[in-house]
N, C-alpha and C. Protein backbone atom coordinates (compact mmCIF):
# COMPACT_ATOMS: atom_id res chain seq x y z
N MET A 1 1.68 3.51 23.69
CA MET A 1 2.24 3.94 22.41
C MET A 1 1.56 3.18 21.27
N LEU A 2 1.39 3.87 20.17
CA LEU A 2 0.88 3.23 18.96
C LEU A 2 2.05 2.89 18.06
N TYR A 3 2.15 1.61 17.67
CA TYR A 3 3.18 1.16 16.75
C TYR A 3 2.55 0.89 15.38
N LEU A 4 3.08 1.51 14.35
CA LEU A 4 2.64 1.23 12.98
C LEU A 4 3.61 0.20 12.42
N VAL A 5 3.11 -1.02 12.21
CA VAL A 5 3.98 -2.14 11.88
C VAL A 5 3.70 -2.64 10.46
N PRO A 6 4.66 -2.50 9.55
CA PRO A 6 4.47 -3.03 8.19
C PRO A 6 4.46 -4.56 8.20
N THR A 7 3.66 -5.13 7.33
CA THR A 7 3.61 -6.58 7.16
C THR A 7 3.95 -6.93 5.72
N PRO A 8 4.37 -8.16 5.44
CA PRO A 8 4.77 -8.54 4.09
C PRO A 8 3.67 -8.29 3.05
N ILE A 9 4.09 -7.90 1.85
CA ILE A 9 3.12 -7.71 0.77
C ILE A 9 2.88 -9.01 0.01
N GLY A 10 3.54 -10.08 0.42
CA GLY A 10 3.34 -11.37 -0.21
C GLY A 10 4.21 -12.43 0.41
N ASN A 11 5.50 -12.21 0.42
CA ASN A 11 6.45 -13.18 0.95
C ASN A 11 6.58 -13.02 2.46
N LEU A 12 6.18 -14.05 3.20
CA LEU A 12 6.19 -13.96 4.66
C LEU A 12 7.58 -13.77 5.24
N GLU A 13 8.63 -14.05 4.47
CA GLU A 13 10.00 -13.87 4.97
C GLU A 13 10.39 -12.40 5.07
N ASP A 14 9.55 -11.49 4.58
CA ASP A 14 9.90 -10.07 4.60
C ASP A 14 9.57 -9.37 5.91
N MET A 15 9.14 -10.10 6.93
CA MET A 15 8.97 -9.51 8.25
C MET A 15 10.34 -9.23 8.86
N THR A 16 10.46 -8.11 9.58
CA THR A 16 11.71 -7.82 10.27
C THR A 16 11.67 -8.41 11.68
N TYR A 17 12.86 -8.61 12.25
CA TYR A 17 12.94 -9.11 13.62
C TYR A 17 12.23 -8.15 14.58
N ARG A 18 12.41 -6.86 14.34
CA ARG A 18 11.80 -5.87 15.22
C ARG A 18 10.27 -5.93 15.13
N ALA A 19 9.75 -6.08 13.92
CA ALA A 19 8.30 -6.14 13.75
C ALA A 19 7.71 -7.33 14.50
N VAL A 20 8.36 -8.47 14.41
CA VAL A 20 7.89 -9.67 15.13
C VAL A 20 7.91 -9.42 16.63
N ARG A 21 8.99 -8.83 17.12
CA ARG A 21 9.09 -8.56 18.56
C ARG A 21 8.00 -7.61 19.03
N VAL A 22 7.77 -6.54 18.28
CA VAL A 22 6.75 -5.55 18.67
C VAL A 22 5.37 -6.19 18.71
N LEU A 23 5.05 -7.03 17.73
CA LEU A 23 3.74 -7.68 17.70
C LEU A 23 3.59 -8.65 18.87
N ARG A 24 4.67 -9.31 19.25
CA ARG A 24 4.61 -10.23 20.39
C ARG A 24 4.44 -9.50 21.71
N GLU A 25 5.07 -8.33 21.82
CA GLU A 25 5.06 -7.61 23.10
C GLU A 25 3.89 -6.65 23.25
N ALA A 26 3.17 -6.37 22.16
CA ALA A 26 2.05 -5.43 22.23
C ALA A 26 0.92 -5.99 23.09
N ASP A 27 0.13 -5.09 23.65
CA ASP A 27 -1.03 -5.51 24.42
C ASP A 27 -2.20 -5.88 23.51
N LEU A 28 -2.20 -5.30 22.30
CA LEU A 28 -3.29 -5.54 21.36
C LEU A 28 -2.79 -5.24 19.94
N ILE A 29 -3.26 -6.04 18.97
CA ILE A 29 -2.95 -5.78 17.57
C ILE A 29 -4.24 -5.41 16.85
N ALA A 30 -4.27 -4.24 16.26
CA ALA A 30 -5.41 -3.80 15.45
C ALA A 30 -5.14 -4.18 14.01
N CYS A 31 -6.02 -5.01 13.44
CA CYS A 31 -5.80 -5.57 12.10
C CYS A 31 -6.87 -5.07 11.13
N GLU A 32 -6.46 -4.90 9.89
CA GLU A 32 -7.44 -4.56 8.85
C GLU A 32 -8.44 -5.71 8.68
N ASP A 33 -7.93 -6.94 8.65
CA ASP A 33 -8.77 -8.14 8.61
C ASP A 33 -8.12 -9.18 9.51
N THR A 34 -8.78 -9.54 10.59
CA THR A 34 -8.17 -10.44 11.57
C THR A 34 -7.91 -11.83 10.99
N ARG A 35 -8.71 -12.25 10.00
CA ARG A 35 -8.49 -13.56 9.39
C ARG A 35 -7.23 -13.56 8.54
N THR A 36 -7.06 -12.50 7.76
CA THR A 36 -5.85 -12.39 6.93
C THR A 36 -4.61 -12.29 7.81
N SER A 37 -4.68 -11.43 8.82
CA SER A 37 -3.53 -11.26 9.71
C SER A 37 -3.26 -12.51 10.53
N GLY A 38 -4.31 -13.30 10.77
CA GLY A 38 -4.14 -14.52 11.56
C GLY A 38 -3.15 -15.48 10.94
N VAL A 39 -3.08 -15.51 9.61
CA VAL A 39 -2.13 -16.38 8.92
C VAL A 39 -0.70 -15.96 9.25
N LEU A 40 -0.45 -14.66 9.19
CA LEU A 40 0.88 -14.14 9.51
C LEU A 40 1.24 -14.37 10.97
N LEU A 41 0.31 -14.07 11.86
CA LEU A 41 0.58 -14.21 13.29
C LEU A 41 0.84 -15.67 13.66
N LYS A 42 0.10 -16.57 13.08
CA LYS A 42 0.32 -18.00 13.34
C LYS A 42 1.69 -18.43 12.84
N HIS A 43 2.09 -17.92 11.68
CA HIS A 43 3.38 -18.29 11.09
C HIS A 43 4.53 -17.93 12.02
N TYR A 44 4.39 -16.81 12.73
CA TYR A 44 5.46 -16.34 13.62
C TYR A 44 5.17 -16.62 15.09
N ASP A 45 4.20 -17.47 15.35
CA ASP A 45 3.86 -17.86 16.73
C ASP A 45 3.59 -16.64 17.62
N ILE A 46 2.81 -15.72 17.08
CA ILE A 46 2.42 -14.52 17.83
C ILE A 46 1.00 -14.72 18.34
N ASP A 47 0.82 -14.72 19.68
CA ASP A 47 -0.49 -14.99 20.24
C ASP A 47 -1.15 -13.76 20.87
N THR A 48 -0.67 -12.58 20.52
CA THR A 48 -1.27 -11.33 21.01
C THR A 48 -2.71 -11.22 20.51
N GLY A 49 -3.58 -10.71 21.35
CA GLY A 49 -4.97 -10.53 20.97
C GLY A 49 -5.13 -9.53 19.83
N THR A 50 -6.16 -9.74 19.02
CA THR A 50 -6.39 -8.87 17.86
C THR A 50 -7.79 -8.27 17.90
N THR A 51 -7.94 -7.18 17.16
CA THR A 51 -9.24 -6.54 16.97
C THR A 51 -9.28 -5.96 15.57
N ALA A 52 -10.45 -5.95 14.96
CA ALA A 52 -10.58 -5.45 13.59
C ALA A 52 -10.58 -3.92 13.58
N TYR A 53 -9.79 -3.36 12.68
CA TYR A 53 -9.75 -1.91 12.50
C TYR A 53 -9.58 -1.63 11.01
N HIS A 54 -10.62 -1.08 10.38
CA HIS A 54 -10.58 -0.88 8.93
C HIS A 54 -11.39 0.35 8.55
N ASP A 55 -11.50 0.61 7.25
CA ASP A 55 -12.15 1.82 6.77
C ASP A 55 -13.60 1.94 7.22
N ASN A 56 -14.27 0.81 7.41
CA ASN A 56 -15.70 0.84 7.74
C ASN A 56 -16.00 1.03 9.22
N ASN A 57 -14.98 0.88 10.08
CA ASN A 57 -15.26 1.04 11.52
C ASN A 57 -14.29 1.98 12.23
N GLU A 58 -13.43 2.66 11.47
CA GLU A 58 -12.37 3.44 12.11
C GLU A 58 -12.91 4.58 12.98
N ARG A 59 -14.03 5.16 12.60
CA ARG A 59 -14.56 6.28 13.39
C ARG A 59 -15.17 5.82 14.71
N THR A 60 -15.73 4.63 14.74
CA THR A 60 -16.29 4.12 15.99
C THR A 60 -15.24 3.40 16.83
N LYS A 61 -14.26 2.79 16.17
CA LYS A 61 -13.24 2.01 16.88
C LYS A 61 -12.12 2.88 17.44
N THR A 62 -11.84 3.99 16.79
CA THR A 62 -10.73 4.84 17.23
C THR A 62 -10.86 5.29 18.68
N PRO A 63 -12.03 5.77 19.15
CA PRO A 63 -12.12 6.19 20.56
C PRO A 63 -11.80 5.06 21.53
N ARG A 64 -12.17 3.83 21.18
CA ARG A 64 -11.89 2.70 22.08
C ARG A 64 -10.39 2.40 22.14
N LEU A 65 -9.77 2.41 20.97
CA LEU A 65 -8.33 2.18 20.94
C LEU A 65 -7.58 3.31 21.64
N LEU A 66 -8.06 4.52 21.44
CA LEU A 66 -7.43 5.68 22.06
C LEU A 66 -7.52 5.61 23.58
N LYS A 67 -8.63 5.10 24.09
CA LYS A 67 -8.80 4.95 25.53
C LYS A 67 -7.76 4.00 26.09
N ARG A 68 -7.51 2.90 25.39
CA ARG A 68 -6.50 1.94 25.86
C ARG A 68 -5.10 2.54 25.77
N LEU A 69 -4.84 3.25 24.70
CA LEU A 69 -3.53 3.87 24.53
C LEU A 69 -3.26 4.90 25.62
N ARG A 70 -4.25 5.69 25.95
CA ARG A 70 -4.07 6.71 26.99
C ARG A 70 -3.95 6.10 28.38
N ALA A 71 -4.41 4.85 28.50
CA ALA A 71 -4.27 4.13 29.78
C ALA A 71 -2.90 3.48 29.91
N GLY A 72 -2.07 3.63 28.88
CA GLY A 72 -0.71 3.12 28.95
C GLY A 72 -0.47 1.82 28.20
N HIS A 73 -1.47 1.34 27.48
CA HIS A 73 -1.30 0.11 26.73
C HIS A 73 -0.56 0.39 25.41
N ASN A 74 0.14 -0.63 24.93
CA ASN A 74 0.80 -0.55 23.63
C ASN A 74 -0.06 -1.26 22.59
N VAL A 75 -0.39 -0.53 21.54
CA VAL A 75 -1.22 -1.09 20.47
C VAL A 75 -0.41 -1.08 19.18
N ALA A 76 -0.39 -2.22 18.50
CA ALA A 76 0.27 -2.32 17.19
C ALA A 76 -0.81 -2.31 16.11
N LEU A 77 -0.62 -1.48 15.11
CA LEU A 77 -1.56 -1.40 13.99
C LEU A 77 -0.93 -2.01 12.76
N ILE A 78 -1.63 -2.97 12.14
CA ILE A 78 -1.14 -3.58 10.91
C ILE A 78 -2.25 -3.58 9.87
N SER A 79 -1.87 -3.62 8.61
CA SER A 79 -2.84 -3.76 7.53
C SER A 79 -2.70 -5.16 6.94
N ASP A 80 -3.51 -5.47 5.95
CA ASP A 80 -3.42 -6.80 5.33
C ASP A 80 -2.06 -7.02 4.70
N ALA A 81 -1.48 -5.95 4.15
CA ALA A 81 -0.17 -6.06 3.50
C ALA A 81 0.45 -4.68 3.39
N GLY A 82 1.75 -4.59 3.68
CA GLY A 82 2.45 -3.32 3.55
C GLY A 82 2.37 -2.46 4.80
N SER A 83 2.62 -1.18 4.61
CA SER A 83 2.68 -0.24 5.73
C SER A 83 1.31 0.35 6.03
N PRO A 84 0.82 0.24 7.25
CA PRO A 84 -0.48 0.82 7.60
C PRO A 84 -0.45 2.34 7.44
N GLY A 85 -1.52 2.86 6.85
CA GLY A 85 -1.60 4.30 6.61
C GLY A 85 -1.19 4.69 5.22
N LEU A 86 -0.57 3.78 4.47
CA LEU A 86 -0.15 4.06 3.10
C LEU A 86 -1.11 3.34 2.16
N SER A 87 -2.16 4.06 1.74
CA SER A 87 -3.26 3.45 0.97
C SER A 87 -3.89 2.29 1.74
N ASP A 88 -3.86 2.37 3.04
CA ASP A 88 -4.47 1.40 3.94
C ASP A 88 -4.97 2.15 5.17
N PRO A 89 -5.85 1.53 5.96
CA PRO A 89 -6.31 2.20 7.18
C PRO A 89 -5.15 2.57 8.10
N GLY A 90 -5.29 3.63 8.83
CA GLY A 90 -4.25 4.01 9.78
C GLY A 90 -4.14 5.50 10.02
N PHE A 91 -4.40 6.29 8.99
CA PHE A 91 -4.26 7.74 9.12
C PHE A 91 -5.15 8.30 10.23
N TYR A 92 -6.39 7.84 10.27
CA TYR A 92 -7.36 8.39 11.22
C TYR A 92 -6.92 8.17 12.66
N LEU A 93 -6.47 6.94 12.97
CA LEU A 93 -6.02 6.63 14.33
C LEU A 93 -4.73 7.36 14.65
N THR A 94 -3.81 7.42 13.70
CA THR A 94 -2.53 8.10 13.93
C THR A 94 -2.75 9.57 14.24
N ARG A 95 -3.62 10.22 13.47
CA ARG A 95 -3.91 11.63 13.73
C ARG A 95 -4.55 11.82 15.10
N ALA A 96 -5.46 10.91 15.47
CA ALA A 96 -6.11 11.02 16.78
C ALA A 96 -5.10 10.88 17.90
N CYS A 97 -4.11 10.03 17.72
CA CYS A 97 -3.07 9.87 18.75
C CYS A 97 -2.28 11.16 18.94
N TRP A 98 -1.86 11.77 17.86
CA TRP A 98 -1.10 13.02 17.98
C TRP A 98 -1.94 14.11 18.62
N GLU A 99 -3.22 14.15 18.31
CA GLU A 99 -4.10 15.18 18.87
C GLU A 99 -4.36 14.96 20.36
N ASN A 100 -4.09 13.73 20.82
CA ASN A 100 -4.35 13.42 22.24
C ASN A 100 -3.07 13.06 22.99
N ASP A 101 -1.94 13.53 22.46
CA ASP A 101 -0.64 13.36 23.14
C ASP A 101 -0.28 11.90 23.39
N VAL A 102 -0.65 11.05 22.45
CA VAL A 102 -0.24 9.64 22.50
C VAL A 102 0.91 9.46 21.52
N GLU A 103 2.00 8.89 21.99
CA GLU A 103 3.18 8.74 21.15
C GLU A 103 2.95 7.71 20.03
N VAL A 104 3.48 8.02 18.87
CA VAL A 104 3.37 7.14 17.70
C VAL A 104 4.76 6.86 17.16
N THR A 105 5.03 5.59 16.82
CA THR A 105 6.28 5.27 16.15
C THR A 105 5.98 4.35 14.98
N ALA A 106 6.60 4.62 13.84
CA ALA A 106 6.39 3.83 12.63
C ALA A 106 7.63 3.00 12.33
N LEU A 107 7.45 1.69 12.22
CA LEU A 107 8.56 0.81 11.89
C LEU A 107 8.76 0.80 10.37
N PRO A 108 10.00 0.71 9.90
CA PRO A 108 10.24 0.57 8.47
C PRO A 108 9.94 -0.86 8.05
N GLY A 109 9.62 -1.02 6.79
CA GLY A 109 9.35 -2.38 6.33
C GLY A 109 8.72 -2.43 4.95
N ALA A 110 8.04 -3.52 4.69
CA ALA A 110 7.55 -3.81 3.34
C ALA A 110 6.53 -2.79 2.84
N THR A 111 6.68 -2.43 1.57
CA THR A 111 5.70 -1.62 0.85
C THR A 111 5.91 -1.90 -0.62
N ALA A 112 4.85 -1.85 -1.41
CA ALA A 112 4.96 -2.20 -2.82
C ALA A 112 5.54 -1.06 -3.66
N ALA A 113 5.35 0.18 -3.23
CA ALA A 113 5.72 1.32 -4.07
C ALA A 113 7.21 1.38 -4.37
N ILE A 114 8.06 1.25 -3.35
CA ILE A 114 9.49 1.42 -3.55
C ILE A 114 10.12 0.30 -4.37
N PRO A 115 9.84 -0.99 -4.10
CA PRO A 115 10.40 -2.03 -4.96
C PRO A 115 9.98 -1.87 -6.42
N ALA A 116 8.73 -1.50 -6.66
CA ALA A 116 8.27 -1.31 -8.04
C ALA A 116 9.03 -0.17 -8.71
N LEU A 117 9.21 0.91 -7.98
CA LEU A 117 9.92 2.07 -8.53
C LEU A 117 11.36 1.75 -8.83
N THR A 118 12.06 1.16 -7.89
CA THR A 118 13.50 0.92 -8.08
C THR A 118 13.77 -0.15 -9.12
N ALA A 119 12.85 -1.09 -9.30
CA ALA A 119 13.04 -2.15 -10.28
C ALA A 119 12.55 -1.76 -11.68
N SER A 120 11.86 -0.64 -11.79
CA SER A 120 11.25 -0.24 -13.06
C SER A 120 12.27 0.26 -14.08
N GLY A 121 13.42 0.74 -13.60
CA GLY A 121 14.39 1.33 -14.51
C GLY A 121 14.06 2.76 -14.89
N LEU A 122 13.02 3.32 -14.29
CA LEU A 122 12.64 4.71 -14.52
C LEU A 122 13.28 5.60 -13.45
N PRO A 123 13.42 6.90 -13.72
CA PRO A 123 14.08 7.79 -12.75
C PRO A 123 13.45 7.67 -11.36
N SER A 124 14.29 7.47 -10.36
CA SER A 124 13.78 7.29 -9.00
C SER A 124 14.28 8.35 -8.03
N ASP A 125 15.01 9.34 -8.55
CA ASP A 125 15.52 10.38 -7.65
C ASP A 125 14.43 11.33 -7.19
N ARG A 126 13.39 11.48 -8.02
CA ARG A 126 12.23 12.32 -7.65
C ARG A 126 10.98 11.60 -8.16
N PHE A 127 10.02 11.36 -7.26
CA PHE A 127 8.81 10.67 -7.69
C PHE A 127 7.61 11.15 -6.88
N VAL A 128 6.43 10.86 -7.40
CA VAL A 128 5.17 11.22 -6.76
C VAL A 128 4.38 9.95 -6.51
N PHE A 129 3.98 9.71 -5.27
CA PHE A 129 3.16 8.56 -4.95
C PHE A 129 1.69 8.99 -4.99
N GLU A 130 0.94 8.41 -5.92
CA GLU A 130 -0.46 8.78 -6.10
C GLU A 130 -1.42 7.80 -5.43
N GLY A 131 -0.91 6.64 -5.00
CA GLY A 131 -1.81 5.65 -4.43
C GLY A 131 -2.84 5.21 -5.47
N PHE A 132 -4.08 4.99 -5.03
CA PHE A 132 -5.15 4.64 -5.96
C PHE A 132 -5.79 5.92 -6.53
N LEU A 133 -5.95 5.98 -7.83
CA LEU A 133 -6.62 7.12 -8.43
C LEU A 133 -8.11 7.10 -8.07
N PRO A 134 -8.77 8.24 -8.05
CA PRO A 134 -10.21 8.25 -7.78
C PRO A 134 -10.94 7.37 -8.79
N LYS A 135 -11.93 6.62 -8.34
CA LYS A 135 -12.66 5.74 -9.25
C LYS A 135 -13.60 6.52 -10.16
N LYS A 136 -14.21 7.57 -9.63
CA LYS A 136 -15.16 8.35 -10.44
C LYS A 136 -14.92 9.85 -10.27
N LYS A 137 -15.47 10.42 -9.20
CA LYS A 137 -15.38 11.85 -8.99
C LYS A 137 -13.93 12.30 -8.84
N GLY A 138 -13.53 13.26 -9.66
CA GLY A 138 -12.19 13.81 -9.59
C GLY A 138 -11.14 13.06 -10.39
N ARG A 139 -11.52 11.96 -11.01
CA ARG A 139 -10.54 11.13 -11.73
C ARG A 139 -9.95 11.88 -12.93
N GLN A 140 -10.81 12.47 -13.75
CA GLN A 140 -10.33 13.16 -14.95
C GLN A 140 -9.48 14.38 -14.59
N THR A 141 -9.87 15.08 -13.55
CA THR A 141 -9.09 16.23 -13.10
C THR A 141 -7.70 15.80 -12.65
N ARG A 142 -7.64 14.71 -11.90
CA ARG A 142 -6.35 14.19 -11.43
C ARG A 142 -5.47 13.77 -12.60
N LEU A 143 -6.05 13.10 -13.57
CA LEU A 143 -5.28 12.64 -14.73
C LEU A 143 -4.74 13.81 -15.53
N ARG A 144 -5.52 14.86 -15.68
CA ARG A 144 -5.04 16.04 -16.41
C ARG A 144 -3.87 16.69 -15.68
N THR A 145 -3.93 16.68 -14.35
CA THR A 145 -2.83 17.23 -13.56
C THR A 145 -1.56 16.39 -13.71
N LEU A 146 -1.72 15.09 -13.69
CA LEU A 146 -0.58 14.19 -13.79
C LEU A 146 0.11 14.26 -15.16
N ALA A 147 -0.63 14.67 -16.18
CA ALA A 147 -0.07 14.72 -17.53
C ALA A 147 1.14 15.64 -17.62
N SER A 148 1.19 16.68 -16.79
CA SER A 148 2.30 17.63 -16.83
C SER A 148 3.26 17.48 -15.65
N GLU A 149 3.07 16.45 -14.82
CA GLU A 149 3.94 16.22 -13.66
C GLU A 149 5.31 15.72 -14.14
N PRO A 150 6.40 16.44 -13.81
CA PRO A 150 7.72 16.04 -14.29
C PRO A 150 8.35 14.88 -13.53
N ARG A 151 7.86 14.60 -12.33
CA ARG A 151 8.44 13.52 -11.54
C ARG A 151 7.82 12.17 -11.92
N THR A 152 8.54 11.10 -11.66
CA THR A 152 8.04 9.75 -11.94
C THR A 152 6.78 9.50 -11.10
N LEU A 153 5.78 8.90 -11.71
CA LEU A 153 4.50 8.63 -11.05
C LEU A 153 4.45 7.19 -10.55
N VAL A 154 3.97 6.99 -9.35
CA VAL A 154 3.76 5.65 -8.79
C VAL A 154 2.30 5.54 -8.40
N ILE A 155 1.60 4.58 -9.02
CA ILE A 155 0.15 4.46 -8.86
C ILE A 155 -0.20 3.02 -8.49
N TYR A 156 -1.06 2.85 -7.50
CA TYR A 156 -1.56 1.52 -7.14
C TYR A 156 -2.82 1.22 -7.96
N GLU A 157 -3.01 -0.05 -8.31
CA GLU A 157 -4.24 -0.42 -9.00
C GLU A 157 -4.55 -1.90 -8.77
N SER A 158 -5.83 -2.21 -8.74
CA SER A 158 -6.27 -3.60 -8.61
C SER A 158 -6.22 -4.25 -9.99
N PRO A 159 -6.11 -5.58 -10.04
CA PRO A 159 -5.97 -6.24 -11.35
C PRO A 159 -7.16 -6.04 -12.28
N HIS A 160 -8.38 -5.99 -11.73
CA HIS A 160 -9.55 -5.87 -12.62
C HIS A 160 -9.77 -4.45 -13.12
N ARG A 161 -9.02 -3.47 -12.58
CA ARG A 161 -9.13 -2.10 -13.11
C ARG A 161 -7.86 -1.65 -13.82
N LEU A 162 -6.88 -2.55 -13.95
CA LEU A 162 -5.59 -2.16 -14.52
C LEU A 162 -5.72 -1.65 -15.95
N LEU A 163 -6.41 -2.36 -16.80
CA LEU A 163 -6.51 -1.97 -18.21
C LEU A 163 -7.22 -0.63 -18.36
N ARG A 164 -8.27 -0.43 -17.57
CA ARG A 164 -8.98 0.85 -17.63
C ARG A 164 -8.05 2.00 -17.27
N THR A 165 -7.26 1.82 -16.21
CA THR A 165 -6.35 2.88 -15.80
C THR A 165 -5.26 3.12 -16.82
N LEU A 166 -4.74 2.05 -17.41
CA LEU A 166 -3.74 2.22 -18.47
C LEU A 166 -4.33 2.94 -19.67
N ASP A 167 -5.59 2.65 -20.00
CA ASP A 167 -6.26 3.38 -21.08
C ASP A 167 -6.35 4.87 -20.77
N ASP A 168 -6.70 5.19 -19.53
CA ASP A 168 -6.81 6.59 -19.13
C ASP A 168 -5.45 7.29 -19.17
N LEU A 169 -4.41 6.58 -18.75
CA LEU A 169 -3.06 7.16 -18.78
C LEU A 169 -2.61 7.38 -20.22
N ILE A 170 -2.93 6.45 -21.11
CA ILE A 170 -2.58 6.61 -22.52
C ILE A 170 -3.28 7.83 -23.10
N GLU A 171 -4.55 8.00 -22.73
CA GLU A 171 -5.33 9.14 -23.24
C GLU A 171 -4.76 10.48 -22.78
N HIS A 172 -4.38 10.56 -21.51
CA HIS A 172 -3.97 11.85 -20.94
C HIS A 172 -2.46 12.09 -21.00
N LEU A 173 -1.66 11.02 -20.92
CA LEU A 173 -0.20 11.19 -20.89
C LEU A 173 0.45 10.87 -22.22
N GLY A 174 -0.27 10.19 -23.09
CA GLY A 174 0.27 9.84 -24.40
C GLY A 174 0.67 8.39 -24.48
N PRO A 175 0.51 7.76 -25.64
CA PRO A 175 0.78 6.33 -25.79
C PRO A 175 2.24 5.95 -25.70
N GLU A 176 3.15 6.90 -25.93
CA GLU A 176 4.58 6.57 -25.95
C GLU A 176 5.30 6.86 -24.64
N ARG A 177 4.58 7.26 -23.61
CA ARG A 177 5.21 7.55 -22.32
C ARG A 177 5.81 6.27 -21.74
N PRO A 178 7.10 6.24 -21.38
CA PRO A 178 7.70 5.05 -20.79
C PRO A 178 7.02 4.69 -19.45
N ALA A 179 6.83 3.40 -19.25
CA ALA A 179 6.14 2.95 -18.04
C ALA A 179 6.54 1.53 -17.69
N ALA A 180 6.13 1.11 -16.50
CA ALA A 180 6.32 -0.27 -16.07
C ALA A 180 5.17 -0.63 -15.15
N VAL A 181 4.78 -1.88 -15.18
CA VAL A 181 3.77 -2.39 -14.26
C VAL A 181 4.35 -3.58 -13.52
N ALA A 182 4.34 -3.50 -12.20
CA ALA A 182 4.81 -4.59 -11.35
C ALA A 182 3.60 -5.30 -10.76
N ARG A 183 3.62 -6.61 -10.81
CA ARG A 183 2.49 -7.41 -10.33
C ARG A 183 3.00 -8.55 -9.45
N GLU A 184 2.23 -8.85 -8.41
CA GLU A 184 2.57 -9.95 -7.51
C GLU A 184 3.97 -9.80 -6.91
N LEU A 185 4.34 -8.60 -6.53
CA LEU A 185 5.67 -8.36 -5.97
C LEU A 185 5.96 -9.25 -4.77
N THR A 186 7.14 -9.79 -4.72
CA THR A 186 7.69 -10.68 -3.68
C THR A 186 7.08 -12.07 -3.69
N LYS A 187 6.12 -12.34 -4.57
CA LYS A 187 5.47 -13.64 -4.60
C LYS A 187 6.08 -14.53 -5.69
N LYS A 188 5.60 -15.75 -5.77
CA LYS A 188 6.15 -16.74 -6.70
C LYS A 188 6.05 -16.28 -8.14
N TYR A 189 4.93 -15.64 -8.51
CA TYR A 189 4.71 -15.25 -9.91
C TYR A 189 4.95 -13.76 -10.13
N GLU A 190 5.85 -13.19 -9.36
CA GLU A 190 6.20 -11.77 -9.54
C GLU A 190 6.65 -11.50 -10.97
N GLU A 191 6.18 -10.39 -11.52
CA GLU A 191 6.66 -9.97 -12.83
C GLU A 191 6.61 -8.46 -12.95
N ILE A 192 7.53 -7.92 -13.75
CA ILE A 192 7.57 -6.50 -14.04
C ILE A 192 7.67 -6.35 -15.55
N GLU A 193 6.69 -5.72 -16.14
CA GLU A 193 6.69 -5.50 -17.59
C GLU A 193 6.98 -4.03 -17.86
N ARG A 194 7.93 -3.78 -18.74
CA ARG A 194 8.40 -2.42 -19.01
C ARG A 194 8.29 -2.11 -20.49
N GLY A 195 7.96 -0.86 -20.83
CA GLY A 195 7.86 -0.42 -22.22
C GLY A 195 7.12 0.89 -22.27
N THR A 196 6.50 1.20 -23.39
CA THR A 196 5.62 2.37 -23.44
C THR A 196 4.29 2.00 -22.80
N LEU A 197 3.47 2.99 -22.51
CA LEU A 197 2.15 2.70 -21.95
C LEU A 197 1.36 1.78 -22.88
N THR A 198 1.47 2.01 -24.17
CA THR A 198 0.76 1.17 -25.13
C THR A 198 1.26 -0.26 -25.10
N GLU A 199 2.57 -0.44 -25.03
CA GLU A 199 3.15 -1.78 -25.01
C GLU A 199 2.79 -2.53 -23.73
N VAL A 200 2.84 -1.83 -22.62
CA VAL A 200 2.50 -2.46 -21.34
C VAL A 200 1.03 -2.85 -21.33
N ARG A 201 0.19 -1.99 -21.86
CA ARG A 201 -1.24 -2.27 -21.91
C ARG A 201 -1.52 -3.50 -22.77
N ALA A 202 -0.86 -3.61 -23.90
CA ALA A 202 -1.04 -4.76 -24.79
C ALA A 202 -0.60 -6.05 -24.13
N TYR A 203 0.47 -5.99 -23.36
CA TYR A 203 0.98 -7.17 -22.67
C TYR A 203 -0.06 -7.71 -21.69
N PHE A 204 -0.61 -6.85 -20.86
CA PHE A 204 -1.56 -7.32 -19.85
C PHE A 204 -2.94 -7.59 -20.43
N ALA A 205 -3.26 -7.02 -21.58
CA ALA A 205 -4.54 -7.31 -22.23
C ALA A 205 -4.60 -8.75 -22.72
N ALA A 206 -3.44 -9.36 -22.91
CA ALA A 206 -3.39 -10.74 -23.40
C ALA A 206 -3.71 -11.75 -22.31
N TYR A 207 -3.74 -11.33 -21.05
CA TYR A 207 -4.06 -12.25 -19.95
C TYR A 207 -5.54 -12.61 -20.00
N GLU A 208 -5.83 -13.89 -19.85
CA GLU A 208 -7.23 -14.31 -19.75
C GLU A 208 -7.80 -13.89 -18.40
N THR A 209 -7.03 -14.11 -17.35
CA THR A 209 -7.41 -13.68 -16.00
C THR A 209 -6.18 -13.07 -15.34
N LEU A 210 -6.33 -11.84 -14.89
CA LEU A 210 -5.20 -11.15 -14.26
C LEU A 210 -5.41 -11.13 -12.76
N ARG A 211 -4.39 -11.55 -12.02
CA ARG A 211 -4.49 -11.59 -10.55
C ARG A 211 -3.34 -10.81 -9.94
N GLY A 212 -3.53 -10.44 -8.68
CA GLY A 212 -2.47 -9.78 -7.94
C GLY A 212 -2.52 -8.28 -8.03
N GLU A 213 -2.30 -7.61 -6.91
CA GLU A 213 -2.29 -6.15 -6.91
C GLU A 213 -1.15 -5.63 -7.79
N CYS A 214 -1.40 -4.50 -8.43
CA CYS A 214 -0.43 -3.95 -9.40
C CYS A 214 0.08 -2.59 -8.98
N VAL A 215 1.30 -2.29 -9.38
CA VAL A 215 1.88 -0.97 -9.21
C VAL A 215 2.27 -0.45 -10.59
N ILE A 216 1.74 0.69 -10.97
CA ILE A 216 2.05 1.31 -12.24
C ILE A 216 3.08 2.41 -12.01
N VAL A 217 4.18 2.36 -12.73
CA VAL A 217 5.22 3.38 -12.63
C VAL A 217 5.34 4.04 -14.01
N VAL A 218 5.22 5.37 -14.04
CA VAL A 218 5.20 6.09 -15.31
C VAL A 218 6.24 7.21 -15.28
N HIS A 219 7.00 7.32 -16.37
CA HIS A 219 7.99 8.39 -16.51
C HIS A 219 7.31 9.74 -16.45
N GLY A 220 7.93 10.71 -15.81
CA GLY A 220 7.37 12.04 -15.73
C GLY A 220 7.39 12.75 -17.06
N ALA A 221 6.67 13.87 -17.13
CA ALA A 221 6.61 14.65 -18.36
C ALA A 221 7.95 15.31 -18.64
N ASP A 222 8.32 15.42 -19.89
CA ASP A 222 9.57 16.10 -20.27
C ASP A 222 9.42 17.59 -20.03
């Protein structure tokens, strides 16, 4: 069986009892980065063997993992942070398992999108998860589509591209659209800034150096 196991997005205390048990009992853990995951595994005294599985090797590594899974081994898939397959490696292997009659189960757990949404104060009854916007090709088309989306938007962004993305959102959605940006969720310096897109952009523009992955939450179109 393939287990999709969420890992903390910052605070190591956010691991569930079930996630720890599954990682301990698995025959192999496939990690996005074995060094990053090694910190978590050491913290919980998990000595299960690991192997690297990420965007750059998923097509060559998937057949090997699939062979072990079909032989009856249990493989746990984790990413550096959050739920594997959600803007992280995992989709390719999960699809291959279903196509080859290998059972897949996904554990609930940490993800940045939901805490950012619920803490933003913006409507959360209906929302659209956009993940990371295209960096180049298709970016403008996507932004034009989002301008008329009535549901709340949830977008992932890296700190060094945050201002550029906020500029693009201001251009296409308007400067007065209500928004919030959550940064360093679950960590010591967690913060959530709320206001119009223009106000939020001005707040983060004042940072000399911006660190930590960001989640942008934007009110849907009226």
